[in-house]
Amino acid sequence: MIRRNIAVVLCAALVIGAAGCAGLFGEKEEKTASELAAEGEAYFKDKKYLKAIEVYENLRDWYPYSKYTKTAEIRIADAHYHRGKYEQALAEYEYYERMHPGDEKIPYVIYQIGMCHYERIKSIDRTQVPTKKALETFSRLRDRFPESRYSKKAAPKIKECRKQLAGHEFYVGRFYFKSGDYEAALGRFKIVTENYPDIEKYSRQAEEYIKRCRKHLAEPDE
């Protein structure tokens, strides 16, 4: 009788222990793709971008073939963008474009790629690599999807990028001019008048500086 009671107690202990181990070490019950999509969207709308990224990454990893996965991929990129993490956002947008080149959301994705570069544009006295990349991306969007509303949104950004680049060339030209390097200055001012004639803020001044450079270089006007 005593042995039987001990056996019952041991069995009960094993059952309880097994249940406890399952809770500690077993896999958690996974949410469905639709549940994760709804949860991620709720976090995103509340601007809880880190939580949204976590949920959307789970959705992407657990359900790679779900109808919600592409949306999750874009939302991950959008969340990084809204956090000001433009490098991470850029990587995600570019990944989406590579993986889904024919998707209907590609105009938006290309626009956002351009914005990731645009948001990192510095003043005219700094490197203009982000400006050039933004201009290239917005121009690619315009050429590929001329009727897209995102191309229309990109149009003023293209003008701003060109104005920025003209300003940079003019700034460098004046630096060379003040340093007495008239040959180098002349080259920069010519870039302004030849590549950005419509940016009158700089092109008109550049024309005057070209004349002054040629005078210093004793170079006849063309």
N, C-alpha and C. Protein backbone atom coordinates (compact mmCIF):
# COMPACT_ATOMS: atom_id res chain seq x y z
N MET A 1 0.83 -1.20 0.00
CA MET A 1 0.00 0.00 0.00
C MET A 1 0.87 1.25 0.00
N ILE A 2 1.90 1.21 0.84
CA ILE A 2 2.80 2.37 0.92
C ILE A 2 3.53 2.55 -0.39
N ARG A 3 3.98 1.37 -0.94
CA ARG A 3 4.68 1.45 -2.22
C ARG A 3 3.77 2.01 -3.32
N ARG A 4 2.51 1.62 -3.28
CA ARG A 4 1.56 2.10 -4.29
C ARG A 4 1.37 3.61 -4.18
N ASN A 5 1.27 4.12 -2.96
CA ASN A 5 1.10 5.56 -2.74
C ASN A 5 2.33 6.33 -3.23
N ILE A 6 3.51 5.75 -2.95
CA ILE A 6 4.75 6.38 -3.40
C ILE A 6 4.79 6.46 -4.92
N ALA A 7 4.36 5.38 -5.57
CA ALA A 7 4.35 5.35 -7.03
C ALA A 7 3.42 6.40 -7.60
N VAL A 8 2.25 6.56 -6.96
CA VAL A 8 1.29 7.56 -7.41
C VAL A 8 1.88 8.96 -7.29
N VAL A 9 2.54 9.21 -6.13
CA VAL A 9 3.15 10.53 -5.90
C VAL A 9 4.24 10.80 -6.92
N LEU A 10 5.06 9.77 -7.20
CA LEU A 10 6.15 9.94 -8.17
C LEU A 10 5.61 10.22 -9.57
N CYS A 11 4.55 9.53 -9.94
CA CYS A 11 3.94 9.75 -11.26
C CYS A 11 3.40 11.17 -11.37
N ALA A 12 2.74 11.61 -10.30
CA ALA A 12 2.20 12.97 -10.30
C ALA A 12 3.31 13.98 -10.42
N ALA A 13 4.40 13.72 -9.69
CA ALA A 13 5.55 14.64 -9.74
C ALA A 13 6.14 14.70 -11.15
N LEU A 14 6.21 13.54 -11.80
CA LEU A 14 6.76 13.50 -13.16
C LEU A 14 5.89 14.29 -14.13
N VAL A 15 4.55 14.12 -13.96
CA VAL A 15 3.62 14.85 -14.83
C VAL A 15 3.76 16.35 -14.65
N ILE A 16 3.80 16.78 -13.39
CA ILE A 16 3.94 18.21 -13.08
C ILE A 16 5.27 18.74 -13.60
N GLY A 17 6.32 17.94 -13.40
CA GLY A 17 7.65 18.35 -13.85
C GLY A 17 7.71 18.48 -15.35
N ALA A 18 7.08 17.52 -16.03
CA ALA A 18 7.08 17.58 -17.48
C ALA A 18 6.35 18.81 -17.98
N ALA A 19 5.25 19.13 -17.35
CA ALA A 19 4.49 20.32 -17.73
C ALA A 19 5.29 21.58 -17.50
N GLY A 20 6.01 21.58 -16.35
CA GLY A 20 6.84 22.74 -16.04
C GLY A 20 7.96 22.91 -17.03
N CYS A 21 8.58 21.82 -17.43
CA CYS A 21 9.67 21.88 -18.40
C CYS A 21 9.17 22.37 -19.76
N ALA A 22 7.96 21.91 -20.10
CA ALA A 22 7.40 22.36 -21.37
C ALA A 22 7.20 23.86 -21.36
N GLY A 23 6.77 24.37 -20.18
CA GLY A 23 6.57 25.81 -20.08
C GLY A 23 7.87 26.57 -20.12
N LEU A 24 8.91 25.92 -19.54
CA LEU A 24 10.20 26.62 -19.49
C LEU A 24 10.98 26.50 -20.78
N PHE A 25 10.98 25.30 -21.35
CA PHE A 25 11.86 25.03 -22.48
C PHE A 25 11.12 24.77 -23.80
N GLY A 26 9.85 24.52 -23.73
CA GLY A 26 9.12 24.22 -24.97
C GLY A 26 8.88 25.48 -25.78
N GLU A 27 8.50 25.31 -27.02
CA GLU A 27 8.23 26.44 -27.89
C GLU A 27 6.94 27.13 -27.46
N LYS A 28 6.97 28.45 -27.56
CA LYS A 28 5.75 29.20 -27.27
C LYS A 28 4.75 28.99 -28.41
N GLU A 29 3.51 29.17 -28.07
CA GLU A 29 2.48 29.04 -29.09
C GLU A 29 2.61 30.21 -30.06
N GLU A 30 2.87 29.93 -31.34
CA GLU A 30 3.08 30.97 -32.33
C GLU A 30 1.76 31.58 -32.75
N LYS A 31 1.80 32.89 -33.00
CA LYS A 31 0.63 33.59 -33.49
C LYS A 31 0.52 33.37 -35.00
N THR A 32 -0.66 33.51 -35.51
CA THR A 32 -0.87 33.36 -36.94
C THR A 32 -0.32 34.59 -37.67
N ALA A 33 -0.16 34.47 -38.97
CA ALA A 33 0.35 35.58 -39.76
C ALA A 33 -0.56 36.79 -39.67
N SER A 34 -1.86 36.56 -39.72
CA SER A 34 -2.80 37.68 -39.65
C SER A 34 -2.76 38.36 -38.30
N GLU A 35 -2.57 37.58 -37.23
CA GLU A 35 -2.46 38.16 -35.89
C GLU A 35 -1.21 39.02 -35.77
N LEU A 36 -0.10 38.52 -36.31
CA LEU A 36 1.14 39.29 -36.28
C LEU A 36 1.01 40.56 -37.11
N ALA A 37 0.36 40.46 -38.26
CA ALA A 37 0.18 41.62 -39.12
C ALA A 37 -0.63 42.70 -38.40
N ALA A 38 -1.70 42.29 -37.72
CA ALA A 38 -2.53 43.24 -36.99
C ALA A 38 -1.76 43.85 -35.82
N GLU A 39 -0.99 43.02 -35.13
CA GLU A 39 -0.22 43.51 -33.98
C GLU A 39 0.86 44.51 -34.45
N GLY A 40 1.55 44.14 -35.52
CA GLY A 40 2.58 45.03 -36.04
C GLY A 40 2.01 46.36 -36.49
N GLU A 41 0.87 46.32 -37.15
CA GLU A 41 0.24 47.55 -37.64
C GLU A 41 -0.19 48.44 -36.48
N ALA A 42 -0.67 47.82 -35.41
CA ALA A 42 -1.09 48.59 -34.24
C ALA A 42 0.12 49.31 -33.62
N TYR A 43 1.22 48.61 -33.49
CA TYR A 43 2.44 49.24 -32.97
C TYR A 43 2.91 50.35 -33.90
N PHE A 44 2.85 50.09 -35.20
CA PHE A 44 3.32 51.08 -36.18
C PHE A 44 2.49 52.36 -36.09
N LYS A 45 1.17 52.22 -36.04
CA LYS A 45 0.30 53.39 -35.96
C LYS A 45 0.49 54.17 -34.67
N ASP A 46 0.87 53.46 -33.61
CA ASP A 46 1.15 54.12 -32.33
C ASP A 46 2.58 54.67 -32.26
N LYS A 47 3.30 54.56 -33.37
CA LYS A 47 4.68 55.03 -33.49
C LYS A 47 5.64 54.29 -32.55
N LYS A 48 5.27 53.07 -32.21
CA LYS A 48 6.16 52.21 -31.42
C LYS A 48 6.95 51.36 -32.41
N TYR A 49 7.89 52.04 -33.07
CA TYR A 49 8.53 51.45 -34.24
C TYR A 49 9.42 50.26 -33.93
N LEU A 50 10.09 50.29 -32.80
CA LEU A 50 10.93 49.15 -32.44
C LEU A 50 10.10 47.89 -32.22
N LYS A 51 8.97 48.04 -31.54
CA LYS A 51 8.09 46.89 -31.33
C LYS A 51 7.50 46.43 -32.66
N ALA A 52 7.16 47.39 -33.50
CA ALA A 52 6.61 47.03 -34.81
C ALA A 52 7.64 46.24 -35.62
N ILE A 53 8.89 46.68 -35.60
CA ILE A 53 9.94 45.96 -36.32
C ILE A 53 10.07 44.54 -35.80
N GLU A 54 10.06 44.39 -34.49
CA GLU A 54 10.19 43.05 -33.89
C GLU A 54 9.07 42.12 -34.36
N VAL A 55 7.84 42.63 -34.33
CA VAL A 55 6.69 41.80 -34.71
C VAL A 55 6.75 41.48 -36.21
N TYR A 56 7.03 42.48 -37.02
CA TYR A 56 7.07 42.27 -38.47
C TYR A 56 8.22 41.33 -38.87
N GLU A 57 9.33 41.40 -38.15
CA GLU A 57 10.43 40.48 -38.45
C GLU A 57 10.03 39.04 -38.11
N ASN A 58 9.28 38.86 -37.03
CA ASN A 58 8.77 37.53 -36.71
C ASN A 58 7.84 37.03 -37.81
N LEU A 59 6.98 37.92 -38.29
CA LEU A 59 6.07 37.54 -39.36
C LEU A 59 6.85 37.12 -40.60
N ARG A 60 7.85 37.91 -40.95
CA ARG A 60 8.66 37.59 -42.14
C ARG A 60 9.42 36.27 -41.98
N ASP A 61 9.93 36.04 -40.77
CA ASP A 61 10.72 34.82 -40.54
C ASP A 61 9.85 33.58 -40.44
N TRP A 62 8.72 33.70 -39.78
CA TRP A 62 7.87 32.53 -39.54
C TRP A 62 6.98 32.21 -40.73
N TYR A 63 6.57 33.22 -41.46
CA TYR A 63 5.63 33.01 -42.57
C TYR A 63 6.14 33.68 -43.85
N PRO A 64 7.25 33.19 -44.39
CA PRO A 64 7.86 33.85 -45.56
C PRO A 64 6.98 33.86 -46.81
N TYR A 65 6.00 32.96 -46.88
CA TYR A 65 5.15 32.88 -48.06
C TYR A 65 3.74 33.41 -47.81
N SER A 66 3.55 34.08 -46.68
CA SER A 66 2.23 34.62 -46.36
C SER A 66 1.91 35.84 -47.23
N LYS A 67 0.63 36.08 -47.41
CA LYS A 67 0.22 37.27 -48.17
C LYS A 67 0.54 38.55 -47.41
N TYR A 68 0.85 38.43 -46.12
CA TYR A 68 1.17 39.60 -45.32
C TYR A 68 2.67 39.93 -45.32
N THR A 69 3.47 39.05 -45.87
CA THR A 69 4.92 39.18 -45.72
C THR A 69 5.49 40.39 -46.45
N LYS A 70 5.03 40.65 -47.65
CA LYS A 70 5.56 41.80 -48.39
C LYS A 70 5.24 43.11 -47.68
N THR A 71 4.04 43.19 -47.13
CA THR A 71 3.67 44.38 -46.37
C THR A 71 4.58 44.52 -45.15
N ALA A 72 4.86 43.39 -44.50
CA ALA A 72 5.74 43.41 -43.34
C ALA A 72 7.12 43.92 -43.72
N GLU A 73 7.63 43.51 -44.87
CA GLU A 73 8.95 43.94 -45.31
C GLU A 73 9.01 45.45 -45.52
N ILE A 74 7.97 45.99 -46.12
CA ILE A 74 7.94 47.44 -46.32
C ILE A 74 7.79 48.16 -45.00
N ARG A 75 6.97 47.62 -44.12
CA ARG A 75 6.77 48.25 -42.81
C ARG A 75 8.06 48.26 -41.99
N ILE A 76 8.85 47.23 -42.11
CA ILE A 76 10.14 47.21 -41.42
C ILE A 76 11.00 48.37 -41.91
N ALA A 77 11.04 48.55 -43.23
CA ALA A 77 11.81 49.65 -43.81
C ALA A 77 11.24 51.00 -43.37
N ASP A 78 9.90 51.12 -43.41
CA ASP A 78 9.26 52.36 -43.00
C ASP A 78 9.54 52.70 -41.54
N ALA A 79 9.52 51.69 -40.68
CA ALA A 79 9.77 51.92 -39.26
C ALA A 79 11.19 52.43 -39.04
N HIS A 80 12.15 51.84 -39.72
CA HIS A 80 13.53 52.33 -39.62
C HIS A 80 13.61 53.78 -40.11
N TYR A 81 12.92 54.06 -41.21
CA TYR A 81 12.94 55.42 -41.77
C TYR A 81 12.38 56.43 -40.79
N HIS A 82 11.26 56.10 -40.17
CA HIS A 82 10.63 57.03 -39.23
C HIS A 82 11.47 57.21 -37.97
N ARG A 83 12.32 56.25 -37.67
CA ARG A 83 13.23 56.38 -36.53
C ARG A 83 14.48 57.17 -36.90
N GLY A 84 14.59 57.55 -38.16
CA GLY A 84 15.78 58.28 -38.60
C GLY A 84 16.97 57.39 -38.84
N LYS A 85 16.75 56.09 -38.92
CA LYS A 85 17.82 55.13 -39.19
C LYS A 85 17.86 54.87 -40.69
N TYR A 86 18.41 55.82 -41.41
CA TYR A 86 18.30 55.80 -42.87
C TYR A 86 19.13 54.71 -43.52
N GLU A 87 20.25 54.35 -42.92
CA GLU A 87 21.05 53.26 -43.49
C GLU A 87 20.29 51.94 -43.43
N GLN A 88 19.68 51.66 -42.27
CA GLN A 88 18.90 50.42 -42.13
C GLN A 88 17.68 50.44 -43.05
N ALA A 89 17.02 51.58 -43.11
CA ALA A 89 15.85 51.70 -43.98
C ALA A 89 16.24 51.49 -45.43
N LEU A 90 17.35 52.11 -45.83
CA LEU A 90 17.83 51.98 -47.20
C LEU A 90 18.08 50.53 -47.57
N ALA A 91 18.73 49.80 -46.66
CA ALA A 91 19.02 48.38 -46.92
C ALA A 91 17.74 47.58 -47.11
N GLU A 92 16.72 47.88 -46.31
CA GLU A 92 15.45 47.15 -46.40
C GLU A 92 14.69 47.50 -47.69
N TYR A 93 14.67 48.78 -48.04
CA TYR A 93 13.99 49.17 -49.28
C TYR A 93 14.68 48.56 -50.49
N GLU A 94 16.01 48.60 -50.51
CA GLU A 94 16.75 48.05 -51.64
C GLU A 94 16.56 46.54 -51.73
N TYR A 95 16.48 45.89 -50.59
CA TYR A 95 16.21 44.44 -50.58
C TYR A 95 14.84 44.16 -51.19
N TYR A 96 13.86 44.97 -50.83
CA TYR A 96 12.51 44.77 -51.37
C TYR A 96 12.50 44.94 -52.88
N GLU A 97 13.20 45.96 -53.36
CA GLU A 97 13.22 46.19 -54.82
C GLU A 97 13.89 45.04 -55.55
N ARG A 98 14.96 44.49 -54.95
CA ARG A 98 15.64 43.35 -55.58
C ARG A 98 14.75 42.12 -55.61
N MET A 99 14.05 41.88 -54.52
CA MET A 99 13.26 40.66 -54.40
C MET A 99 11.91 40.74 -55.12
N HIS A 100 11.37 41.95 -55.27
CA HIS A 100 10.05 42.11 -55.89
C HIS A 100 10.09 43.20 -56.96
N PRO A 101 10.90 43.04 -58.00
CA PRO A 101 11.09 44.13 -58.98
C PRO A 101 9.83 44.52 -59.74
N GLY A 102 8.88 43.61 -59.86
CA GLY A 102 7.66 43.92 -60.60
C GLY A 102 6.47 44.27 -59.72
N ASP A 103 6.70 44.44 -58.43
CA ASP A 103 5.60 44.68 -57.50
C ASP A 103 5.01 46.08 -57.71
N GLU A 104 3.73 46.21 -57.44
CA GLU A 104 3.04 47.48 -57.64
C GLU A 104 3.52 48.58 -56.70
N LYS A 105 4.18 48.20 -55.63
CA LYS A 105 4.66 49.19 -54.66
C LYS A 105 6.06 49.70 -54.96
N ILE A 106 6.65 49.25 -56.05
CA ILE A 106 8.02 49.64 -56.39
C ILE A 106 8.17 51.16 -56.55
N PRO A 107 7.23 51.88 -57.17
CA PRO A 107 7.40 53.35 -57.23
C PRO A 107 7.57 53.97 -55.84
N TYR A 108 6.76 53.51 -54.89
CA TYR A 108 6.89 54.01 -53.51
C TYR A 108 8.26 53.64 -52.93
N VAL A 109 8.68 52.41 -53.16
CA VAL A 109 9.95 51.93 -52.62
C VAL A 109 11.12 52.74 -53.18
N ILE A 110 11.11 53.00 -54.49
CA ILE A 110 12.19 53.80 -55.09
C ILE A 110 12.17 55.22 -54.53
N TYR A 111 10.97 55.77 -54.36
CA TYR A 111 10.87 57.11 -53.77
C TYR A 111 11.49 57.13 -52.38
N GLN A 112 11.21 56.12 -51.59
CA GLN A 112 11.75 56.06 -50.24
C GLN A 112 13.26 55.85 -50.24
N ILE A 113 13.77 55.11 -51.21
CA ILE A 113 15.22 54.97 -51.35
C ILE A 113 15.83 56.36 -51.57
N GLY A 114 15.18 57.12 -52.46
CA GLY A 114 15.65 58.48 -52.70
C GLY A 114 15.59 59.34 -51.45
N MET A 115 14.52 59.17 -50.67
CA MET A 115 14.37 59.96 -49.45
C MET A 115 15.41 59.59 -48.40
N CYS A 116 15.82 58.33 -48.37
CA CYS A 116 16.87 57.93 -47.42
C CYS A 116 18.17 58.67 -47.72
N HIS A 117 18.46 58.88 -49.01
CA HIS A 117 19.63 59.68 -49.38
C HIS A 117 19.37 61.17 -49.12
N TYR A 118 18.17 61.61 -49.48
CA TYR A 118 17.82 63.02 -49.37
C TYR A 118 17.91 63.52 -47.92
N GLU A 119 17.47 62.70 -47.01
CA GLU A 119 17.46 63.09 -45.60
C GLU A 119 18.87 63.27 -45.03
N ARG A 120 19.86 62.78 -45.73
CA ARG A 120 21.25 62.88 -45.24
C ARG A 120 22.06 63.94 -45.99
N ILE A 121 21.38 64.78 -46.77
CA ILE A 121 22.07 65.85 -47.48
C ILE A 121 22.61 66.87 -46.49
N LYS A 122 23.85 67.26 -46.69
CA LYS A 122 24.50 68.24 -45.83
C LYS A 122 24.49 69.61 -46.51
N SER A 123 25.09 70.61 -45.85
CA SER A 123 25.20 71.95 -46.42
C SER A 123 26.12 71.93 -47.63
N ILE A 124 26.10 73.01 -48.43
CA ILE A 124 26.82 73.02 -49.71
C ILE A 124 28.34 72.94 -49.54
N ASP A 125 28.84 73.19 -48.33
CA ASP A 125 30.29 73.12 -48.13
C ASP A 125 30.74 71.72 -47.72
N ARG A 126 29.81 70.78 -47.67
CA ARG A 126 30.14 69.42 -47.30
C ARG A 126 30.05 68.49 -48.51
N THR A 127 30.45 67.23 -48.32
CA THR A 127 30.35 66.26 -49.41
C THR A 127 28.92 66.14 -49.91
N GLN A 128 28.76 66.00 -51.20
CA GLN A 128 27.43 65.94 -51.81
C GLN A 128 27.09 64.54 -52.34
N VAL A 129 27.74 63.52 -51.79
CA VAL A 129 27.45 62.15 -52.21
C VAL A 129 25.96 61.81 -51.99
N PRO A 130 25.38 62.11 -50.81
CA PRO A 130 23.94 61.83 -50.64
C PRO A 130 23.07 62.59 -51.63
N THR A 131 23.46 63.83 -51.95
CA THR A 131 22.69 64.63 -52.91
C THR A 131 22.70 63.97 -54.28
N LYS A 132 23.87 63.53 -54.72
CA LYS A 132 23.98 62.89 -56.03
C LYS A 132 23.18 61.60 -56.08
N LYS A 133 23.24 60.81 -55.00
CA LYS A 133 22.50 59.55 -54.97
C LYS A 133 20.99 59.80 -54.93
N ALA A 134 20.58 60.82 -54.20
CA ALA A 134 19.16 61.17 -54.16
C ALA A 134 18.68 61.59 -55.55
N LEU A 135 19.47 62.43 -56.22
CA LEU A 135 19.11 62.89 -57.55
C LEU A 135 19.04 61.73 -58.53
N GLU A 136 20.00 60.83 -58.47
CA GLU A 136 19.99 59.67 -59.35
C GLU A 136 18.76 58.80 -59.12
N THR A 137 18.40 58.61 -57.86
CA THR A 137 17.26 57.76 -57.54
C THR A 137 15.94 58.40 -57.95
N PHE A 138 15.76 59.67 -57.63
CA PHE A 138 14.52 60.36 -58.03
C PHE A 138 14.40 60.44 -59.55
N SER A 139 15.53 60.63 -60.24
CA SER A 139 15.50 60.68 -61.70
C SER A 139 15.14 59.32 -62.28
N ARG A 140 15.66 58.27 -61.67
CA ARG A 140 15.32 56.90 -62.11
C ARG A 140 13.82 56.64 -61.92
N LEU A 141 13.29 57.09 -60.81
CA LEU A 141 11.85 56.94 -60.56
C LEU A 141 11.04 57.68 -61.61
N ARG A 142 11.43 58.92 -61.90
CA ARG A 142 10.72 59.73 -62.90
C ARG A 142 10.77 59.09 -64.28
N ASP A 143 11.93 58.57 -64.64
CA ASP A 143 12.09 57.99 -65.98
C ASP A 143 11.35 56.66 -66.11
N ARG A 144 11.31 55.90 -65.04
CA ARG A 144 10.69 54.58 -65.11
C ARG A 144 9.18 54.63 -64.90
N PHE A 145 8.73 55.51 -64.01
CA PHE A 145 7.30 55.61 -63.72
C PHE A 145 6.84 57.07 -63.83
N PRO A 146 6.87 57.63 -65.02
CA PRO A 146 6.56 59.07 -65.18
C PRO A 146 5.17 59.47 -64.72
N GLU A 147 4.21 58.52 -64.73
CA GLU A 147 2.84 58.85 -64.36
C GLU A 147 2.54 58.57 -62.89
N SER A 148 3.49 58.04 -62.17
CA SER A 148 3.26 57.71 -60.77
C SER A 148 3.15 58.97 -59.91
N ARG A 149 2.32 58.90 -58.90
CA ARG A 149 2.20 60.05 -57.99
C ARG A 149 3.49 60.27 -57.22
N TYR A 150 4.29 59.20 -57.10
CA TYR A 150 5.57 59.36 -56.41
C TYR A 150 6.59 60.07 -57.29
N SER A 151 6.46 59.95 -58.59
CA SER A 151 7.29 60.72 -59.49
C SER A 151 6.96 62.20 -59.36
N LYS A 152 5.69 62.50 -59.21
CA LYS A 152 5.27 63.89 -59.03
C LYS A 152 5.79 64.43 -57.70
N LYS A 153 5.79 63.60 -56.67
CA LYS A 153 6.34 64.02 -55.38
C LYS A 153 7.85 64.23 -55.46
N ALA A 154 8.49 63.46 -56.33
CA ALA A 154 9.94 63.55 -56.46
C ALA A 154 10.38 64.79 -57.23
N ALA A 155 9.50 65.34 -58.07
CA ALA A 155 9.87 66.46 -58.94
C ALA A 155 10.50 67.63 -58.19
N PRO A 156 9.88 68.14 -57.12
CA PRO A 156 10.52 69.25 -56.40
C PRO A 156 11.81 68.85 -55.72
N LYS A 157 11.92 67.57 -55.35
CA LYS A 157 13.16 67.08 -54.73
C LYS A 157 14.29 67.10 -55.75
N ILE A 158 13.98 66.77 -57.00
CA ILE A 158 14.99 66.81 -58.06
C ILE A 158 15.51 68.23 -58.22
N LYS A 159 14.62 69.20 -58.22
CA LYS A 159 15.04 70.61 -58.35
C LYS A 159 15.91 71.03 -57.17
N GLU A 160 15.53 70.61 -55.97
CA GLU A 160 16.31 70.97 -54.79
C GLU A 160 17.70 70.34 -54.83
N CYS A 161 17.77 69.10 -55.30
CA CYS A 161 19.07 68.42 -55.39
C CYS A 161 19.97 69.13 -56.41
N ARG A 162 19.40 69.51 -57.54
CA ARG A 162 20.19 70.19 -58.56
C ARG A 162 20.66 71.55 -58.04
N LYS A 163 19.81 72.25 -57.33
CA LYS A 163 20.20 73.53 -56.74
C LYS A 163 21.32 73.34 -55.73
N GLN A 164 21.22 72.28 -54.94
CA GLN A 164 22.26 71.97 -53.96
C GLN A 164 23.60 71.69 -54.64
N LEU A 165 23.57 70.92 -55.70
CA LEU A 165 24.81 70.57 -56.41
C LEU A 165 25.41 71.80 -57.09
N ALA A 166 24.56 72.64 -57.67
CA ALA A 166 25.05 73.89 -58.26
C ALA A 166 25.69 74.77 -57.21
N GLY A 167 25.05 74.84 -56.06
CA GLY A 167 25.58 75.64 -54.96
C GLY A 167 26.93 75.13 -54.49
N HIS A 168 27.07 73.82 -54.46
CA HIS A 168 28.34 73.23 -54.03
C HIS A 168 29.45 73.57 -55.01
N GLU A 169 29.18 73.43 -56.31
CA GLU A 169 30.19 73.73 -57.32
C GLU A 169 30.57 75.22 -57.26
N PHE A 170 29.59 76.07 -57.07
CA PHE A 170 29.86 77.50 -56.98
C PHE A 170 30.69 77.80 -55.73
N TYR A 171 30.36 77.17 -54.63
CA TYR A 171 31.11 77.38 -53.38
C TYR A 171 32.57 76.97 -53.55
N VAL A 172 32.80 75.82 -54.16
CA VAL A 172 34.18 75.35 -54.37
C VAL A 172 34.91 76.26 -55.35
N GLY A 173 34.18 76.71 -56.38
CA GLY A 173 34.78 77.63 -57.34
C GLY A 173 35.25 78.92 -56.67
N ARG A 174 34.43 79.45 -55.81
CA ARG A 174 34.82 80.69 -55.11
C ARG A 174 36.00 80.44 -54.17
N PHE A 175 36.02 79.26 -53.57
CA PHE A 175 37.15 78.93 -52.69
C PHE A 175 38.46 78.96 -53.49
N TYR A 176 38.45 78.32 -54.67
CA TYR A 176 39.64 78.32 -55.52
C TYR A 176 39.98 79.74 -55.98
N PHE A 177 38.94 80.50 -56.33
CA PHE A 177 39.17 81.86 -56.80
C PHE A 177 39.86 82.70 -55.73
N LYS A 178 39.35 82.61 -54.52
CA LYS A 178 39.93 83.38 -53.42
C LYS A 178 41.35 82.91 -53.10
N SER A 179 41.64 81.64 -53.40
CA SER A 179 42.97 81.09 -53.15
C SER A 179 43.94 81.41 -54.28
N GLY A 180 43.43 82.04 -55.36
CA GLY A 180 44.28 82.39 -56.48
C GLY A 180 44.48 81.27 -57.48
N ASP A 181 43.74 80.16 -57.31
CA ASP A 181 43.84 79.04 -58.26
C ASP A 181 42.76 79.23 -59.31
N TYR A 182 43.00 80.13 -60.27
CA TYR A 182 41.99 80.54 -61.23
C TYR A 182 41.63 79.44 -62.22
N GLU A 183 42.58 78.59 -62.53
CA GLU A 183 42.31 77.49 -63.45
C GLU A 183 41.28 76.54 -62.85
N ALA A 184 41.50 76.16 -61.59
CA ALA A 184 40.56 75.26 -60.90
C ALA A 184 39.20 75.94 -60.71
N ALA A 185 39.25 77.23 -60.38
CA ALA A 185 38.01 77.98 -60.18
C ALA A 185 37.21 78.05 -61.47
N LEU A 186 37.90 78.30 -62.57
CA LEU A 186 37.24 78.38 -63.87
C LEU A 186 36.52 77.08 -64.20
N GLY A 187 37.16 75.95 -63.91
CA GLY A 187 36.54 74.66 -64.18
C GLY A 187 35.26 74.47 -63.39
N ARG A 188 35.26 74.88 -62.14
CA ARG A 188 34.06 74.73 -61.30
C ARG A 188 32.94 75.64 -61.77
N PHE A 189 33.28 76.88 -62.11
CA PHE A 189 32.24 77.81 -62.56
C PHE A 189 31.63 77.37 -63.89
N LYS A 190 32.45 76.76 -64.74
CA LYS A 190 31.93 76.24 -66.00
C LYS A 190 30.94 75.10 -65.76
N ILE A 191 31.21 74.28 -64.76
CA ILE A 191 30.27 73.21 -64.42
C ILE A 191 28.91 73.80 -64.06
N VAL A 192 28.93 74.89 -63.31
CA VAL A 192 27.68 75.54 -62.90
C VAL A 192 26.91 76.04 -64.12
N THR A 193 27.59 76.75 -65.02
CA THR A 193 26.89 77.35 -66.17
C THR A 193 26.47 76.30 -67.21
N GLU A 194 27.25 75.22 -67.32
CA GLU A 194 26.94 74.20 -68.33
C GLU A 194 25.93 73.17 -67.84
N ASN A 195 26.05 72.78 -66.58
CA ASN A 195 25.17 71.72 -66.05
C ASN A 195 23.92 72.26 -65.35
N TYR A 196 24.00 73.49 -64.86
CA TYR A 196 22.87 74.04 -64.09
C TYR A 196 22.52 75.45 -64.56
N PRO A 197 22.33 75.66 -65.86
CA PRO A 197 22.03 77.02 -66.35
C PRO A 197 20.70 77.56 -65.83
N ASP A 198 19.79 76.65 -65.46
CA ASP A 198 18.48 77.07 -64.97
C ASP A 198 18.50 77.48 -63.51
N ILE A 199 19.59 77.20 -62.82
CA ILE A 199 19.71 77.60 -61.41
C ILE A 199 20.33 78.99 -61.41
N GLU A 200 19.51 80.01 -61.69
CA GLU A 200 20.02 81.35 -61.92
C GLU A 200 20.71 81.96 -60.70
N LYS A 201 20.32 81.51 -59.53
CA LYS A 201 20.95 82.03 -58.32
C LYS A 201 22.46 81.87 -58.39
N TYR A 202 22.91 80.77 -59.01
CA TYR A 202 24.35 80.51 -59.09
C TYR A 202 24.90 80.70 -60.50
N SER A 203 24.11 80.38 -61.52
CA SER A 203 24.65 80.43 -62.89
C SER A 203 25.03 81.85 -63.31
N ARG A 204 24.24 82.83 -62.93
CA ARG A 204 24.54 84.22 -63.31
C ARG A 204 25.83 84.69 -62.64
N GLN A 205 25.97 84.38 -61.36
CA GLN A 205 27.19 84.77 -60.66
C GLN A 205 28.39 84.02 -61.22
N ALA A 206 28.17 82.75 -61.59
CA ALA A 206 29.26 81.96 -62.15
C ALA A 206 29.77 82.55 -63.44
N GLU A 207 28.87 83.09 -64.26
CA GLU A 207 29.27 83.72 -65.52
C GLU A 207 30.19 84.90 -65.27
N GLU A 208 29.89 85.68 -64.25
CA GLU A 208 30.75 86.82 -63.91
C GLU A 208 32.11 86.35 -63.43
N TYR A 209 32.11 85.31 -62.64
CA TYR A 209 33.39 84.79 -62.14
C TYR A 209 34.22 84.18 -63.28
N ILE A 210 33.57 83.60 -64.26
CA ILE A 210 34.29 83.05 -65.42
C ILE A 210 35.05 84.16 -66.12
N LYS A 211 34.40 85.30 -66.30
CA LYS A 211 35.07 86.44 -66.93
C LYS A 211 36.27 86.89 -66.11
N ARG A 212 36.10 86.93 -64.81
CA ARG A 212 37.19 87.37 -63.94
C ARG A 212 38.34 86.36 -63.94
N CYS A 213 37.99 85.07 -63.98
CA CYS A 213 39.04 84.03 -64.04
C CYS A 213 39.84 84.17 -65.34
N ARG A 214 39.13 84.36 -66.44
CA ARG A 214 39.81 84.49 -67.73
C ARG A 214 40.69 85.73 -67.79
N LYS A 215 40.25 86.76 -67.14
CA LYS A 215 41.06 87.97 -67.08
C LYS A 215 42.35 87.71 -66.34
N HIS A 216 42.23 86.99 -65.25
CA HIS A 216 43.44 86.65 -64.48
C HIS A 216 44.35 85.71 -65.26
N LEU A 217 43.74 84.84 -66.03
CA LEU A 217 44.52 83.86 -66.80
C LEU A 217 44.92 84.38 -68.18
N ALA A 218 44.49 85.62 -68.47
CA ALA A 218 44.74 86.21 -69.78
C ALA A 218 44.21 85.31 -70.89
N GLU A 219 43.04 84.72 -70.61
CA GLU A 219 42.41 83.83 -71.58
C GLU A 219 41.31 84.59 -72.28
N PRO A 220 41.31 84.66 -73.62
CA PRO A 220 40.27 85.42 -74.34
C PRO A 220 38.89 84.80 -74.16
N ASP A 221 37.88 85.64 -74.15
CA ASP A 221 36.50 85.14 -74.07
C ASP A 221 36.17 84.34 -75.31
N GLU A 222 35.35 83.30 -75.12
CA GLU A 222 34.92 82.48 -76.26
C GLU A 222 33.66 83.10 -76.87
